[in-house]
Amino acid sequence: MKRKHNEANQDPSNLSQRITIDGHTPRNPKPQLCLLRTESQFVVGRQRSTDLKGILTELIEEFYPPLVCAICLDVSTTRADSDMHFKAKHRGEKAFECLGHDCQQAYSSRSGLRYHLLTNHQVTGDRGYAACMN
């Protein structure tokens, strides 16, 4: 079972097809962000947790790539530069829209969106993730 989690974690483009939010595949509120992802953003970095919180973090980063500004589409070379840009140019703006189909909530951080998904939506996965989400 652990092997399945690791295989899925290495293919970030596949995660949104394996997760449902309130019975629907996640909606992509800003598809233009995915077009700006670079190859380096797919390189496996630190090993993420395979619990629900870790899986949601990966899902959010699939739709909101960490190096692309969710508001002005500025592309940074490092996570630190991206965070600095967002805080300097867009402080307080709610750029991270919920991935649920009928939800209009938006947050100023990825962690705020993750907390919202954890506490307000039913998130489930296919067999590869089922054990992690119980």
Protein backbone atom coordinates (compact mmCIF):
# COMPACT_ATOMS: atom_id res chain seq x y z
CA MET A 1 0.00 0.00 0.00
CA LYS A 2 2.82 2.42 0.84
CA ARG A 3 4.24 1.93 -2.65
CA LYS A 4 1.03 3.17 -4.25
CA HIS A 5 1.21 6.40 -2.24
CA ASN A 6 4.79 7.02 -3.33
CA GLU A 7 3.99 6.37 -6.98
CA ALA A 8 1.06 8.79 -6.88
CA ASN A 9 3.13 11.43 -5.07
CA GLN A 10 5.67 11.36 -7.90
CA ASP A 11 3.04 12.17 -10.53
CA PRO A 12 1.46 15.46 -9.43
CA SER A 13 -0.58 15.78 -12.63
CA ASN A 14 -2.49 12.60 -11.68
CA LEU A 15 -3.64 13.53 -8.17
CA SER A 16 -6.70 15.59 -9.16
CA GLN A 17 -8.06 12.55 -11.04
CA ARG A 18 -7.82 10.40 -7.91
CA ILE A 19 -9.48 12.75 -5.39
CA THR A 20 -13.09 13.90 -5.08
CA ILE A 21 -14.47 16.83 -3.12
CA ASP A 22 -18.10 16.38 -2.10
CA GLY A 23 -18.39 13.62 -4.72
CA HIS A 24 -16.99 15.66 -7.65
CA THR A 25 -13.53 15.92 -9.15
CA PRO A 26 -11.89 19.15 -7.97
CA ARG A 27 -12.62 22.18 -10.11
CA ASN A 28 -9.72 24.20 -11.42
CA PRO A 29 -10.60 27.83 -10.61
CA LYS A 30 -7.60 29.29 -12.48
CA PRO A 31 -6.52 26.98 -15.34
CA GLN A 32 -4.07 29.57 -16.69
CA LEU A 33 -1.79 28.93 -13.68
CA CYS A 34 -1.14 25.34 -14.74
CA LEU A 35 0.11 26.52 -18.13
CA LEU A 36 2.92 28.45 -16.43
CA ARG A 37 4.32 25.55 -14.40
CA THR A 38 7.90 24.73 -15.27
CA GLU A 39 9.47 21.27 -15.43
CA SER A 40 11.41 22.01 -12.23
CA GLN A 41 8.13 22.25 -10.31
CA PHE A 42 7.50 18.55 -10.97
CA VAL A 43 10.79 17.39 -9.43
CA VAL A 44 10.17 15.39 -6.29
CA GLY A 45 11.45 17.35 -3.31
CA ARG A 46 10.95 16.40 0.28
CA GLN A 47 8.71 13.43 0.95
CA ARG A 48 5.21 14.66 1.72
CA SER A 49 3.02 13.10 4.32
CA THR A 50 0.51 10.64 2.91
CA ASP A 51 -2.19 11.64 5.39
CA LEU A 52 -5.12 13.77 4.26
CA LYS A 53 -3.35 17.04 5.11
CA GLY A 54 -0.33 16.12 2.97
CA ILE A 55 -2.48 14.94 0.09
CA LEU A 56 -4.52 18.15 0.17
CA THR A 57 -1.30 20.18 0.14
CA GLU A 58 -0.24 18.37 -3.04
CA LEU A 59 -3.69 18.82 -4.60
CA ILE A 60 -3.68 22.56 -3.89
CA GLU A 61 -0.18 22.88 -5.34
CA GLU A 62 -1.37 21.09 -8.49
CA PHE A 63 -3.93 23.85 -9.12
CA TYR A 64 -1.94 26.68 -7.52
CA PRO A 65 1.73 26.00 -8.43
CA PRO A 66 4.02 27.38 -5.69
CA LEU A 67 6.25 29.33 -8.09
CA VAL A 68 3.41 31.06 -9.99
CA CYS A 69 1.56 34.03 -8.51
CA ALA A 70 -2.16 33.19 -8.40
CA ILE A 71 -3.08 36.83 -9.06
CA CYS A 72 -0.69 38.36 -11.61
CA LEU A 73 0.86 35.13 -12.99
CA ASP A 74 4.41 36.26 -12.12
CA VAL A 75 6.74 33.24 -12.25
CA SER A 76 9.47 33.05 -9.60
CA THR A 77 12.55 30.83 -9.52
CA THR A 78 12.35 29.91 -5.83
CA ARG A 79 9.60 29.38 -3.28
CA ALA A 80 11.07 32.17 -1.12
CA ASP A 81 10.95 34.65 -4.03
CA SER A 82 7.38 33.62 -4.79
CA ASP A 83 6.30 34.10 -1.16
CA MET A 84 8.08 37.48 -0.97
CA HIS A 85 6.42 38.65 -4.20
CA PHE A 86 2.96 37.61 -3.02
CA LYS A 87 3.34 39.33 0.37
CA ALA A 88 4.76 42.53 -1.14
CA LYS A 89 2.38 42.92 -4.08
CA HIS A 90 -0.84 41.22 -3.01
CA ARG A 91 -1.06 41.41 0.80
CA GLY A 92 -4.51 40.42 2.00
CA GLU A 93 -5.89 39.50 -1.43
CA LYS A 94 -7.82 36.24 -1.51
CA ALA A 95 -6.21 34.47 -4.45
CA PHE A 96 -6.86 30.86 -3.47
CA GLU A 97 -10.41 29.90 -4.46
CA CYS A 98 -11.97 26.72 -3.14
CA LEU A 99 -11.70 23.63 -5.34
CA GLY A 100 -15.23 22.48 -4.45
CA HIS A 101 -17.79 22.83 -7.26
CA ASP A 102 -20.44 24.90 -5.51
CA CYS A 103 -18.22 26.76 -3.05
CA GLN A 104 -17.35 30.42 -3.50
CA GLN A 105 -14.90 30.74 -0.60
CA ALA A 106 -11.44 32.22 -1.23
CA TYR A 107 -8.40 32.56 1.01
CA SER A 108 -5.21 34.58 1.15
CA SER A 109 -3.03 31.49 1.71
CA ARG A 110 -2.76 27.89 0.58
CA SER A 111 -2.92 26.79 4.22
CA GLY A 112 -6.21 28.67 4.70
CA LEU A 113 -7.65 26.87 1.68
CA ARG A 114 -6.37 23.52 2.98
CA TYR A 115 -7.98 24.11 6.40
CA HIS A 116 -11.26 25.02 4.67
CA LEU A 117 -11.18 21.82 2.60
CA LEU A 118 -10.40 19.73 5.70
CA THR A 119 -13.20 21.20 7.81
CA ASN A 120 -15.97 22.02 5.32
CA HIS A 121 -15.86 19.41 2.55
CA GLN A 122 -15.94 15.63 2.23
CA VAL A 123 -12.65 14.72 0.56
CA THR A 124 -12.25 11.13 -0.67
CA GLY A 125 -9.94 9.22 -2.97
CA ASP A 126 -9.73 6.03 -4.97
CA ARG A 127 -8.23 2.83 -3.59
CA GLY A 128 -4.72 4.27 -3.69
CA TYR A 129 -5.69 6.93 -1.17
CA ALA A 130 -8.60 5.35 0.67
CA ALA A 131 -6.52 4.22 3.66
CA CYS A 132 -5.10 7.71 4.13
CA MET A 133 -8.45 9.41 4.33
CA ASN A 134 -10.24 7.39 6.99
